[in-house]
Amino acid sequence: MLNMPKPWRLPLLVLVLAWALLALIYHGTIGAMVSIWDRSETFAHAWVVPPISAWLVWRLRAELAALQPAPAPTWLWGLLPLGLLWLVGELAAANAPTQFAVMGMFVLLVPAMLGTEVARRMAFPLGFLFFAVPFGDFLTPWLMDRTADFTVLAVRASGIPVFREGLDFVIPSGSWSVVQACSGIRYLMASVMVGTLFAYLNYRSHTRRWLFVGVAIVTPLVANWLRAYMIVMLGHLSGNTLAVGVDHLIYGWVFFGVIMLAMFMIGSRWAEPDAAPEAVPSGAPGAHGVPLSRWSVAIAAASLLLALPSVLRMHANERSAHGEPELVAPQLQGWAWRAEPHSSWRPAFANAAATLHGRYEPDRGGDAIGVYIGYYRDQRPGRQLVTSVNGLVDGEASGNWSRTGSARASLDADAGATDWRVAELRGEALSQVSGGGSLAPRLRVWQVYWINGHAFTSDWRAKLYGAWCKLQGRGDDAAVVLVYADKDGAGPDDARLRAFLSAHWRTFHTALSGVRDRGMLRQP
């Protein structure tokens, strides 16, 4: 503070107070973001984002010191849409919208408290902060599919026969699986962040900057595909003594490091000299000439706008359903309920408020039909229905069950829920099947989300509708409904599952609505 220009002392104090208020109101969102940095290797790079941003601002200190900060309260209006985004994300129990909104508020307070010109000079350091938001996990399944596509194609092009099913494939020397660690999402996130920083520091032309950012996106994708191909070939040619287990992750990071180094060395050949410092506009009002009342009004307005979304959220929570939901299997004519699951498969939907898993057996004999219901209430991060870690199989588990195909299916309008997701699961490792073992068990699974009385197959539609219901005071009760059968028992084109759902979905809907209604009658 002793060496700080006098016109900056009061504005920076006001900005720090505004940031402290933001952290106090949204400490839950900030804490959730930091916890993801701590536990996820994919977003571990986010720890260095705030220090890098601070260093980038420090590089501009001479330019900034020549400016004379003054509040620009017009920017505070931007807190309204950001607050709405946070509120929708919070009600939908979606991390990314809430964290982007809070980071946006953090950035927006800079022009609001220090002025537009100051924020313009700091535009890149402020924008760089958004790399601290853990975002992009939704790309993992797509990246896994593309990695498997390229690897199988390249191995076949090398003259090696391949049998593929889903994300698993077998070659004469052994079997391989593309798991989440093979998706390349970690390489992609780190490359985009570092590549963007490199482009800002080395290029003045916006065209060159965007071109290099594009290279930083494409390079890790292609590098990861080549890495996967090389690992399979190393394993094949070495008789599965190299690039198996932990070593293939080590080889992967070494290969990625070499590729990144080459990318930066090539990119540095077109580096441009630093631009001359911009002239500081003359005649700007100094902080000594800004009445204290303007700072007081700015911080008071910021306080009200920052607190409003949190107040609305508390109001919505007060009108939500309460108590632990109780699930009971509905009685279906012609079917008998058994509490034992139909197979060894267990869906990977974590932390449901209540679950129901068993099977219906036809009174006249025949194959059973399994039913799983995961019911969610009072959703929050770690206990929400729609999330990237919830699904039919656990992408990180080492169990035998895996997805081998997926599609969409429709029922007649009279059935109630007309659109369904359909998946096929295999219950044995592909290496065991190809090795002459018994035929692997296979399941046909039909899935739908039940959100406060409406059925959805789209993740984002289910999220938005759930948030809208909670905002209206109708609670956030939601469930995933899975109906499944052995592939042979499901019949051609899943005829038995279609008939079962067409006849009985409305009964399940009524039962779920009853669970919700009983919760709405309870007092918190």
Protein backbone atom coordinates (compact mmCIF):
# COMPACT_ATOMS: atom_id res chain seq x y z
CA MET A 1 0.00 0.00 0.00
CA LEU A 2 2.94 2.36 0.67
CA ASN A 3 4.08 2.32 -2.98
CA MET A 4 0.58 2.30 -4.40
CA PRO A 5 -0.49 5.47 -6.22
CA LYS A 6 -2.82 7.45 -3.96
CA PRO A 7 -5.71 7.55 -6.50
CA TRP A 8 -5.79 3.72 -6.42
CA ARG A 9 -5.99 3.14 -2.66
CA LEU A 10 -9.68 3.76 -2.08
CA PRO A 11 -10.87 2.09 -5.35
CA LEU A 12 -8.88 -1.08 -4.60
CA LEU A 13 -10.22 -1.17 -1.04
CA VAL A 14 -13.78 -0.92 -2.39
CA LEU A 15 -13.08 -3.67 -4.94
CA VAL A 16 -11.65 -5.97 -2.26
CA LEU A 17 -14.73 -5.34 -0.10
CA ALA A 18 -17.00 -6.19 -3.03
CA TRP A 19 -15.05 -9.40 -3.72
CA ALA A 20 -15.21 -10.33 -0.02
CA LEU A 21 -18.98 -9.86 -0.06
CA LEU A 22 -19.23 -12.00 -3.19
CA ALA A 23 -17.15 -14.75 -1.54
CA LEU A 24 -19.32 -14.61 1.60
CA ILE A 25 -22.62 -14.93 -0.27
CA TYR A 26 -21.45 -17.55 -2.76
CA HIS A 27 -18.96 -19.45 -0.58
CA GLY A 28 -20.77 -22.73 -1.33
CA THR A 29 -20.27 -22.34 -5.07
CA ILE A 30 -16.64 -21.27 -4.69
CA GLY A 31 -15.97 -24.14 -2.29
CA ALA A 32 -17.48 -26.65 -4.72
CA MET A 33 -15.26 -25.32 -7.50
CA VAL A 34 -12.10 -25.58 -5.39
CA SER A 35 -13.00 -29.09 -4.24
CA ILE A 36 -13.19 -30.18 -7.90
CA TRP A 37 -9.72 -28.75 -8.49
CA ASP A 38 -8.48 -30.78 -5.55
CA ARG A 39 -10.01 -34.15 -6.39
CA SER A 40 -10.04 -34.15 -10.20
CA GLU A 41 -6.87 -34.65 -12.23
CA THR A 42 -8.72 -33.29 -15.24
CA PHE A 43 -9.00 -29.84 -13.64
CA ALA A 44 -5.89 -29.79 -11.47
CA HIS A 45 -4.48 -27.11 -13.80
CA ALA A 46 -7.09 -24.67 -12.43
CA TRP A 47 -4.96 -24.17 -9.30
CA VAL A 48 -2.48 -22.10 -11.31
CA VAL A 49 -5.09 -19.98 -13.12
CA PRO A 50 -5.58 -17.29 -10.40
CA PRO A 51 -1.82 -16.83 -9.84
CA ILE A 52 -1.21 -16.57 -13.58
CA SER A 53 -4.02 -14.03 -13.91
CA ALA A 54 -2.54 -11.99 -11.04
CA TRP A 55 0.90 -12.12 -12.72
CA LEU A 56 -0.60 -10.92 -16.00
CA VAL A 57 -2.13 -7.95 -14.18
CA TRP A 58 1.20 -7.27 -12.49
CA ARG A 59 2.85 -7.03 -15.91
CA LEU A 60 0.47 -4.19 -16.70
CA ARG A 61 1.10 -2.28 -13.48
CA ALA A 62 2.85 0.64 -15.19
CA GLU A 63 -0.06 1.19 -17.59
CA LEU A 64 -2.64 0.77 -14.85
CA ALA A 65 -0.87 3.10 -12.43
CA ALA A 66 -1.18 5.92 -14.98
CA LEU A 67 -4.96 5.48 -15.11
CA GLN A 68 -7.33 7.15 -12.68
CA PRO A 69 -10.02 4.69 -11.52
CA ALA A 70 -13.59 5.74 -10.92
CA PRO A 71 -16.76 3.66 -10.37
CA ALA A 72 -18.93 2.79 -13.38
CA PRO A 73 -22.18 1.55 -11.76
CA THR A 74 -23.78 0.83 -15.14
CA TRP A 75 -21.80 -2.42 -15.19
CA LEU A 76 -23.68 -3.58 -12.10
CA TRP A 77 -26.74 -4.28 -14.25
CA GLY A 78 -24.80 -7.22 -15.62
CA LEU A 79 -25.13 -8.86 -12.20
CA LEU A 80 -28.84 -9.47 -12.91
CA PRO A 81 -28.42 -11.99 -15.79
CA LEU A 82 -25.45 -13.54 -14.02
CA GLY A 83 -27.53 -13.90 -10.87
CA LEU A 84 -30.32 -15.49 -12.90
CA LEU A 85 -27.83 -17.94 -14.42
CA TRP A 86 -26.57 -18.82 -10.93
CA LEU A 87 -30.11 -19.27 -9.65
CA VAL A 88 -31.10 -21.57 -12.52
CA GLY A 89 -27.91 -23.58 -12.08
CA GLU A 90 -28.38 -23.82 -8.32
CA LEU A 91 -31.99 -24.95 -8.62
CA ALA A 92 -30.97 -27.48 -11.28
CA ALA A 93 -28.01 -28.67 -9.14
CA ALA A 94 -25.68 -27.96 -12.08
CA ASN A 95 -22.15 -26.91 -11.17
CA ALA A 96 -21.02 -25.30 -14.40
CA PRO A 97 -23.71 -22.55 -14.65
CA THR A 98 -23.32 -21.54 -11.01
CA GLN A 99 -19.53 -21.42 -11.21
CA PHE A 100 -19.46 -19.52 -14.50
CA ALA A 101 -21.96 -17.06 -13.03
CA VAL A 102 -19.91 -16.45 -9.87
CA MET A 103 -16.70 -16.05 -11.89
CA GLY A 104 -18.55 -13.63 -14.16
CA MET A 105 -19.64 -11.60 -11.09
CA PHE A 106 -16.06 -11.57 -9.86
CA VAL A 107 -14.88 -10.17 -13.19
CA LEU A 108 -17.79 -7.74 -13.61
CA LEU A 109 -17.05 -6.05 -10.29
CA VAL A 110 -13.74 -4.81 -11.73
CA PRO A 111 -15.23 -2.37 -14.29
CA ALA A 112 -18.06 -1.54 -11.88
CA MET A 113 -15.63 -0.44 -9.15
CA LEU A 114 -12.56 0.66 -11.12
CA GLY A 115 -14.02 1.86 -14.40
CA THR A 116 -14.35 0.71 -17.99
CA GLU A 117 -10.89 1.80 -19.15
CA VAL A 118 -9.14 -0.04 -16.33
CA ALA A 119 -11.07 -3.23 -17.10
CA ARG A 120 -10.32 -2.89 -20.82
CA ARG A 121 -6.59 -2.86 -20.14
CA MET A 122 -7.03 -5.99 -17.97
CA ALA A 123 -9.41 -7.77 -20.38
CA PHE A 124 -7.25 -10.84 -21.03
CA PRO A 125 -6.16 -11.45 -17.40
CA LEU A 126 -9.79 -11.18 -16.34
CA GLY A 127 -11.01 -13.44 -19.12
CA PHE A 128 -8.26 -15.96 -18.32
CA LEU A 129 -9.90 -16.52 -14.94
CA PHE A 130 -12.71 -18.47 -16.62
CA PHE A 131 -10.24 -21.32 -17.18
CA ALA A 132 -10.58 -21.89 -13.43
CA VAL A 133 -14.17 -23.11 -13.93
CA PRO A 134 -14.23 -26.94 -14.16
CA PHE A 135 -16.04 -27.36 -17.45
CA GLY A 136 -15.85 -29.90 -20.26
CA ASP A 137 -16.50 -33.26 -18.60
CA PHE A 138 -19.53 -33.71 -20.85
CA LEU A 139 -17.07 -34.18 -23.75
CA THR A 140 -15.61 -37.33 -22.20
CA PRO A 141 -17.98 -39.91 -23.78
CA TRP A 142 -17.56 -38.31 -27.23
CA LEU A 143 -13.78 -38.25 -26.84
CA MET A 144 -13.75 -41.90 -25.76
CA ASP A 145 -15.75 -42.88 -28.85
CA ARG A 146 -13.42 -40.95 -31.17
CA THR A 147 -10.33 -42.46 -29.52
CA ALA A 148 -11.75 -45.94 -30.03
CA ASP A 149 -12.68 -45.14 -33.65
CA PHE A 150 -9.17 -43.93 -34.53
CA THR A 151 -7.36 -46.70 -32.65
CA VAL A 152 -9.34 -49.49 -34.27
CA LEU A 153 -8.97 -47.91 -37.73
CA ALA A 154 -5.20 -47.45 -37.29
CA VAL A 155 -4.66 -50.96 -35.94
CA ARG A 156 -6.57 -52.45 -38.87
CA ALA A 157 -4.54 -50.30 -41.25
CA SER A 158 -1.44 -51.86 -39.68
CA GLY A 159 -2.63 -55.29 -40.84
CA ILE A 160 -3.89 -56.55 -37.48
CA PRO A 161 -7.43 -57.99 -37.32
CA VAL A 162 -9.70 -56.29 -34.77
CA PHE A 163 -13.07 -57.19 -33.32
CA ARG A 164 -14.79 -54.21 -31.69
CA GLU A 165 -17.88 -53.91 -29.55
CA GLY A 166 -18.60 -50.53 -28.00
CA LEU A 167 -15.43 -49.22 -26.36
CA ASP A 168 -13.85 -52.68 -26.13
CA PHE A 169 -11.85 -54.39 -28.85
CA VAL A 170 -9.83 -57.57 -29.23
CA ILE A 171 -6.72 -58.24 -31.31
CA PRO A 172 -4.86 -61.59 -31.57
CA SER A 173 -2.49 -60.69 -28.70
CA GLY A 174 -5.13 -59.53 -26.22
CA SER A 175 -8.03 -57.25 -25.41
CA TRP A 176 -8.19 -53.51 -24.85
CA SER A 177 -10.73 -51.04 -23.51
CA VAL A 178 -11.02 -47.28 -23.89
CA VAL A 179 -11.77 -45.96 -20.39
CA GLN A 180 -12.17 -42.40 -19.17
CA ALA A 181 -8.44 -41.96 -18.61
CA CYS A 182 -7.97 -42.69 -22.35
CA SER A 183 -10.39 -39.99 -23.49
CA GLY A 184 -7.71 -37.27 -23.62
CA ILE A 185 -9.88 -34.76 -21.75
CA ARG A 186 -6.99 -33.97 -19.39
CA TYR A 187 -4.63 -33.24 -22.28
CA LEU A 188 -7.27 -31.13 -24.01
CA MET A 189 -8.07 -28.95 -20.97
CA ALA A 190 -4.42 -28.31 -20.15
CA SER A 191 -3.47 -27.65 -23.79
CA VAL A 192 -6.24 -25.13 -24.40
CA MET A 193 -5.36 -23.17 -21.25
CA VAL A 194 -1.60 -23.11 -21.87
CA GLY A 195 -2.07 -22.56 -25.61
CA THR A 196 -4.30 -19.53 -25.00
CA LEU A 197 -1.75 -18.06 -22.61
CA PHE A 198 1.06 -18.70 -25.11
CA ALA A 199 -0.91 -17.01 -27.90
CA TYR A 200 -1.56 -13.91 -25.77
CA LEU A 201 2.08 -13.54 -24.74
CA ASN A 202 3.64 -14.21 -28.15
CA TYR A 203 1.27 -12.73 -30.74
CA ARG A 204 -0.23 -9.30 -31.26
CA SER A 205 -2.42 -10.21 -34.23
CA HIS A 206 -5.85 -11.57 -33.25
CA THR A 207 -5.74 -13.81 -36.32
CA ARG A 208 -2.53 -15.49 -35.18
CA ARG A 209 -3.85 -15.82 -31.66
CA TRP A 210 -7.05 -17.57 -32.73
CA LEU A 211 -5.16 -19.80 -35.15
CA PHE A 212 -2.82 -20.95 -32.40
CA VAL A 213 -5.73 -21.57 -30.01
CA GLY A 214 -7.26 -23.72 -32.75
CA VAL A 215 -3.99 -25.64 -33.03
CA ALA A 216 -3.98 -26.06 -29.24
CA ILE A 217 -7.41 -27.69 -29.49
CA VAL A 218 -6.68 -30.01 -32.41
CA THR A 219 -3.17 -31.06 -31.37
CA PRO A 220 -4.05 -32.83 -28.08
CA LEU A 221 -6.94 -34.65 -29.75
CA VAL A 222 -4.77 -36.06 -32.51
CA ALA A 223 -1.89 -36.66 -30.08
CA ASN A 224 -4.17 -38.67 -27.80
CA TRP A 225 -5.37 -40.81 -30.72
CA LEU A 226 -1.78 -41.50 -31.75
CA ARG A 227 -0.88 -42.23 -28.13
CA ALA A 228 -3.65 -44.82 -27.84
CA TYR A 229 -2.60 -46.45 -31.13
CA MET A 230 1.06 -46.54 -30.06
CA ILE A 231 0.18 -48.10 -26.70
CA VAL A 232 -1.81 -50.88 -28.38
CA MET A 233 0.99 -51.51 -30.85
CA LEU A 234 3.66 -51.50 -28.10
CA GLY A 235 1.62 -54.01 -26.15
CA HIS A 236 1.03 -56.16 -29.23
CA LEU A 237 4.63 -56.17 -30.46
CA SER A 238 6.10 -56.74 -26.99
CA GLY A 239 3.81 -59.62 -26.11
CA ASN A 240 1.95 -57.42 -23.62
CA THR A 241 5.05 -56.67 -21.55
CA LEU A 242 5.22 -52.95 -22.40
CA ALA A 243 2.59 -50.20 -22.20
CA VAL A 244 0.34 -52.32 -19.99
CA GLY A 245 -1.17 -51.01 -16.78
CA VAL A 246 0.44 -47.97 -15.14
CA ASP A 247 3.29 -47.75 -17.68
CA HIS A 248 0.96 -46.81 -20.50
CA LEU A 249 -0.19 -43.74 -18.53
CA ILE A 250 3.45 -42.77 -18.02
CA TYR A 251 4.21 -43.24 -21.71
CA GLY A 252 1.12 -41.16 -22.47
CA TRP A 253 2.23 -38.15 -20.43
CA VAL A 254 5.77 -38.31 -21.83
CA PHE A 255 4.37 -38.41 -25.36
CA PHE A 256 2.00 -35.54 -24.59
CA GLY A 257 4.84 -33.47 -23.14
CA VAL A 258 6.94 -33.97 -26.26
CA ILE A 259 4.02 -33.00 -28.52
CA MET A 260 3.29 -29.85 -26.49
CA LEU A 261 6.95 -28.83 -26.51
CA ALA A 262 7.08 -29.24 -30.28
CA MET A 263 3.87 -27.21 -30.67
CA PHE A 264 5.30 -24.29 -28.66
CA MET A 265 8.67 -24.42 -30.40
CA ILE A 266 7.01 -24.27 -33.80
CA GLY A 267 4.58 -21.58 -32.67
CA SER A 268 7.43 -19.41 -31.34
CA ARG A 269 8.85 -19.09 -34.87
CA TRP A 270 6.00 -16.71 -35.71
CA ALA A 271 6.16 -14.76 -32.45
CA GLU A 272 5.61 -11.03 -32.75
CA PRO A 273 7.37 -8.31 -30.74
CA ASP A 274 5.50 -6.70 -27.87
CA ALA A 275 3.27 -3.84 -28.86
CA ALA A 276 4.07 -0.35 -27.64
CA PRO A 277 2.18 0.61 -24.49
CA GLU A 278 -1.11 2.34 -25.21
CA ALA A 279 -1.32 6.02 -24.45
CA VAL A 280 -3.24 6.83 -21.30
CA PRO A 281 -6.29 9.03 -21.99
CA SER A 282 -5.98 12.43 -20.49
CA GLY A 283 -8.59 14.20 -18.51
CA ALA A 284 -9.97 11.09 -16.79
CA PRO A 285 -11.41 11.86 -13.36
CA GLY A 286 -9.11 10.84 -10.52
CA ALA A 287 -10.21 8.99 -7.43
CA HIS A 288 -9.43 12.10 -5.40
CA GLY A 289 -12.07 13.89 -7.45
CA VAL A 290 -14.74 11.21 -7.03
CA PRO A 291 -17.06 11.86 -4.09
CA LEU A 292 -17.08 9.16 -1.44
CA SER A 293 -20.83 8.91 -1.92
CA ARG A 294 -20.33 7.44 -5.40
CA TRP A 295 -18.23 4.60 -3.98
CA SER A 296 -20.82 4.08 -1.24
CA VAL A 297 -23.66 3.88 -3.76
CA ALA A 298 -21.68 1.47 -5.95
CA ILE A 299 -20.90 -0.94 -3.10
CA ALA A 300 -24.47 -0.74 -1.76
CA ALA A 301 -25.97 -1.46 -5.18
CA ALA A 302 -23.54 -4.34 -5.68
CA SER A 303 -24.52 -5.77 -2.27
CA LEU A 304 -28.23 -5.78 -3.13
CA LEU A 305 -27.76 -7.29 -6.60
CA LEU A 306 -25.36 -9.95 -5.31
CA ALA A 307 -27.71 -10.99 -2.49
CA LEU A 308 -30.91 -11.14 -4.56
CA PRO A 309 -30.33 -14.57 -6.22
CA SER A 310 -29.44 -16.16 -2.88
CA VAL A 311 -32.65 -14.82 -1.31
CA LEU A 312 -34.74 -16.20 -4.19
CA ARG A 313 -33.05 -19.57 -3.82
CA MET A 314 -33.85 -19.76 -0.10
CA HIS A 315 -37.47 -18.86 -0.86
CA ALA A 316 -37.69 -21.65 -3.47
CA ASN A 317 -36.19 -24.17 -1.03
CA GLU A 318 -38.76 -23.33 1.62
CA ARG A 319 -41.57 -24.37 -0.73
CA SER A 320 -39.94 -27.61 -1.86
CA ALA A 321 -40.82 -31.17 -0.85
CA HIS A 322 -39.36 -32.39 2.44
CA GLY A 323 -38.71 -35.63 4.24
CA GLU A 324 -37.24 -38.91 3.02
CA PRO A 325 -39.16 -40.32 0.04
CA GLU A 326 -40.53 -43.84 0.38
CA LEU A 327 -40.68 -46.03 -2.72
CA VAL A 328 -43.00 -48.99 -2.94
CA ALA A 329 -43.30 -51.17 -6.03
CA PRO A 330 -46.74 -50.61 -7.59
CA GLN A 331 -48.99 -53.64 -8.00
CA LEU A 332 -49.41 -54.61 -11.65
CA GLN A 333 -52.14 -56.90 -12.88
CA GLY A 334 -50.69 -60.18 -14.07
CA TRP A 335 -47.29 -59.57 -12.49
CA ALA A 336 -45.74 -60.42 -9.11
CA TRP A 337 -43.05 -58.20 -7.58
CA ARG A 338 -39.82 -59.69 -6.26
CA ALA A 339 -37.35 -57.52 -4.34
CA GLU A 340 -34.31 -59.34 -5.79
CA PRO A 341 -32.71 -57.70 -8.86
CA HIS A 342 -33.05 -59.44 -12.19
CA SER A 343 -29.28 -59.75 -12.76
CA SER A 344 -25.89 -58.85 -11.30
CA TRP A 345 -25.98 -55.47 -13.06
CA ARG A 346 -26.30 -52.40 -10.82
CA PRO A 347 -26.94 -48.96 -12.37
CA ALA A 348 -24.36 -46.28 -11.55
CA PHE A 349 -26.74 -43.61 -10.21
CA ALA A 350 -25.16 -42.39 -6.99
CA ASN A 351 -26.61 -40.92 -3.80
CA ALA A 352 -30.31 -41.21 -4.59
CA ALA A 353 -32.66 -40.28 -1.76
CA ALA A 354 -34.44 -43.61 -2.28
CA THR A 355 -34.05 -46.58 -4.61
CA LEU A 356 -36.21 -49.46 -5.76
CA HIS A 357 -34.60 -52.37 -7.57
CA GLY A 358 -36.20 -55.69 -8.27
CA ARG A 359 -38.12 -57.60 -10.89
CA TYR A 360 -41.64 -58.37 -12.01
CA GLU A 361 -42.42 -61.99 -12.79
CA PRO A 362 -45.43 -62.87 -14.96
CA ASP A 363 -48.11 -64.88 -13.15
CA ARG A 364 -48.36 -67.32 -16.05
CA GLY A 365 -44.63 -67.96 -16.20
CA GLY A 366 -41.97 -66.58 -18.50
CA ASP A 367 -39.00 -64.24 -18.37
CA ALA A 368 -38.93 -61.59 -15.66
CA ILE A 369 -38.61 -57.85 -16.31
CA GLY A 370 -36.29 -55.84 -14.09
CA VAL A 371 -37.13 -52.38 -12.77
CA TYR A 372 -34.82 -49.82 -11.17
CA ILE A 373 -36.01 -46.47 -9.83
CA GLY A 374 -33.58 -43.96 -8.34
CA TYR A 375 -35.51 -41.13 -6.64
CA TYR A 376 -33.88 -37.76 -5.91
CA ARG A 377 -35.04 -34.92 -3.64
CA ASP A 378 -33.35 -31.81 -2.28
CA GLN A 379 -30.78 -32.08 -5.05
CA ARG A 380 -27.37 -30.49 -4.68
CA PRO A 381 -23.87 -31.17 -6.02
CA GLY A 382 -23.04 -34.80 -5.30
CA ARG A 383 -26.71 -35.71 -4.83
CA GLN A 384 -28.29 -34.77 -8.16
CA LEU A 385 -29.96 -36.96 -10.75
CA VAL A 386 -28.60 -35.62 -14.02
CA THR A 387 -24.83 -35.45 -13.91
CA SER A 388 -21.91 -36.66 -16.00
CA VAL A 389 -20.99 -39.37 -13.48
CA ASN A 390 -24.46 -40.97 -13.35
CA GLY A 391 -25.28 -43.59 -15.96
CA LEU A 392 -26.01 -47.19 -16.71
CA VAL A 393 -22.43 -48.31 -16.08
CA ASP A 394 -19.58 -46.80 -14.11
CA GLY A 395 -16.93 -45.59 -16.54
CA GLU A 396 -14.18 -45.91 -13.91
CA ALA A 397 -15.22 -49.25 -12.45
CA SER A 398 -13.39 -52.43 -13.33
CA GLY A 399 -16.51 -54.58 -13.40
CA ASN A 400 -17.55 -56.60 -16.41
CA TRP A 401 -20.69 -54.71 -17.38
CA SER A 402 -20.27 -52.32 -20.29
CA ARG A 403 -22.48 -50.54 -22.80
CA THR A 404 -22.28 -51.92 -26.32
CA GLY A 405 -24.92 -49.83 -28.06
CA SER A 406 -27.51 -47.11 -27.61
CA ALA A 407 -30.52 -45.73 -29.48
CA ARG A 408 -33.89 -44.01 -29.03
CA ALA A 409 -37.31 -45.61 -29.09
CA SER A 410 -40.90 -44.41 -29.04
CA LEU A 411 -44.13 -45.74 -27.58
CA ASP A 412 -47.71 -44.94 -28.52
CA ALA A 413 -49.02 -41.65 -27.18
CA ASP A 414 -51.50 -43.52 -24.96
CA ALA A 415 -48.59 -44.96 -22.96
CA GLY A 416 -47.77 -41.57 -21.37
CA ALA A 417 -43.97 -41.41 -21.71
CA THR A 418 -43.54 -41.70 -25.46
CA ASP A 419 -39.77 -41.22 -25.87
CA TRP A 420 -37.21 -43.50 -24.25
CA ARG A 421 -33.48 -44.11 -24.32
CA VAL A 422 -32.51 -47.66 -25.18
CA ALA A 423 -29.16 -49.32 -24.47
CA GLU A 424 -27.66 -52.76 -24.72
CA LEU A 425 -25.29 -53.95 -22.00
CA ARG A 426 -22.85 -56.84 -22.03
CA GLY A 427 -22.17 -58.56 -18.73
CA GLU A 428 -18.79 -60.12 -19.40
CA ALA A 429 -15.40 -58.83 -20.52
CA LEU A 430 -14.97 -59.02 -24.27
CA SER A 431 -11.74 -61.00 -23.82
CA GLN A 432 -13.67 -63.74 -22.01
CA VAL A 433 -16.31 -63.87 -24.73
CA SER A 434 -13.74 -64.02 -27.52
CA GLY A 435 -11.69 -66.56 -25.62
CA GLY A 436 -14.25 -69.29 -26.02
CA GLY A 437 -16.08 -68.78 -22.74
CA SER A 438 -19.81 -69.00 -22.25
CA LEU A 439 -22.00 -66.56 -24.08
CA ALA A 440 -21.99 -63.26 -22.18
CA PRO A 441 -25.26 -62.14 -20.58
CA ARG A 442 -26.82 -59.20 -22.39
CA LEU A 443 -29.51 -56.80 -21.26
CA ARG A 444 -31.81 -54.44 -23.12
CA VAL A 445 -32.42 -51.37 -20.96
CA TRP A 446 -35.08 -48.67 -21.47
CA GLN A 447 -34.51 -45.41 -19.60
CA VAL A 448 -36.46 -42.22 -18.93
CA TYR A 449 -36.22 -39.32 -16.49
CA TRP A 450 -39.33 -38.50 -14.46
CA ILE A 451 -39.17 -34.83 -13.45
CA ASN A 452 -42.07 -33.64 -11.31
CA GLY A 453 -44.65 -35.53 -13.34
CA HIS A 454 -43.13 -35.17 -16.82
CA ALA A 455 -40.94 -37.60 -18.74
CA PHE A 456 -37.69 -36.57 -20.45
CA THR A 457 -34.84 -38.26 -22.29
CA SER A 458 -32.72 -35.11 -22.75
CA ASP A 459 -30.33 -34.26 -19.92
CA TRP A 460 -30.47 -30.51 -20.41
CA ARG A 461 -34.26 -30.39 -20.81
CA ALA A 462 -34.63 -32.39 -17.61
CA LYS A 463 -32.27 -29.99 -15.82
CA LEU A 464 -34.08 -26.85 -16.99
CA TYR A 465 -37.54 -28.20 -16.24
CA GLY A 466 -36.44 -29.26 -12.76
CA ALA A 467 -35.06 -25.76 -12.09
CA TRP A 468 -38.28 -24.16 -13.36
CA CYS A 469 -40.39 -26.39 -11.08
CA LYS A 470 -38.30 -25.54 -8.05
CA LEU A 471 -38.46 -21.82 -8.82
CA GLN A 472 -42.26 -22.13 -8.88
CA GLY A 473 -42.24 -23.81 -5.49
CA ARG A 474 -43.11 -27.27 -6.83
CA GLY A 475 -39.98 -28.92 -5.49
CA ASP A 476 -37.17 -30.70 -7.29
CA ASP A 477 -38.40 -34.30 -7.00
CA ALA A 478 -37.05 -36.38 -9.87
CA ALA A 479 -36.34 -39.99 -10.69
CA VAL A 480 -34.64 -42.19 -13.24
CA VAL A 481 -36.73 -45.17 -14.32
CA LEU A 482 -34.97 -48.16 -15.90
CA VAL A 483 -36.88 -51.14 -17.25
CA TYR A 484 -34.80 -54.02 -18.57
CA ALA A 485 -34.77 -57.64 -19.61
CA ASP A 486 -32.41 -60.25 -21.00
CA LYS A 487 -31.86 -59.62 -24.68
CA ASP A 488 -33.52 -62.88 -25.70
CA GLY A 489 -36.37 -62.33 -23.24
CA ALA A 490 -36.99 -58.78 -24.50
CA GLY A 491 -38.23 -60.21 -27.79
CA PRO A 492 -37.70 -58.93 -31.33
CA ASP A 493 -37.46 -55.14 -31.38
CA ASP A 494 -37.89 -55.26 -27.58
CA ALA A 495 -41.53 -56.24 -28.07
CA ARG A 496 -42.02 -57.47 -24.48
CA LEU A 497 -40.52 -54.33 -22.96
CA ARG A 498 -42.66 -52.18 -25.25
CA ALA A 499 -45.81 -54.04 -24.23
CA PHE A 500 -44.90 -53.87 -20.53
CA LEU A 501 -44.30 -50.10 -20.62
CA SER A 502 -47.33 -49.38 -22.79
CA ALA A 503 -49.56 -51.20 -20.33
CA HIS A 504 -48.05 -50.07 -17.03
CA TRP A 505 -46.16 -46.78 -17.37
CA ARG A 506 -49.14 -44.75 -16.14
CA THR A 507 -49.18 -46.88 -12.98
CA PHE A 508 -45.53 -46.05 -12.33
CA HIS A 509 -46.23 -42.39 -13.03
CA THR A 510 -49.09 -42.35 -10.51
CA ALA A 511 -46.90 -44.02 -7.89
CA LEU A 512 -44.08 -41.50 -8.36
CA SER A 513 -46.52 -38.59 -8.25
CA GLY A 514 -47.82 -39.92 -4.94
CA VAL A 515 -44.31 -39.94 -3.49
CA ARG A 516 -43.84 -36.32 -4.53
CA ASP A 517 -47.23 -35.19 -3.24
CA ARG A 518 -46.64 -36.73 0.19
CA GLY A 519 -43.34 -34.85 0.41
CA MET A 520 -44.99 -31.55 -0.52
CA LEU A 521 -47.45 -31.94 2.38
CA ARG A 522 -44.66 -32.25 4.95
CA GLN A 523 -43.37 -29.20 6.74
CA PRO A 524 -39.63 -28.53 6.80
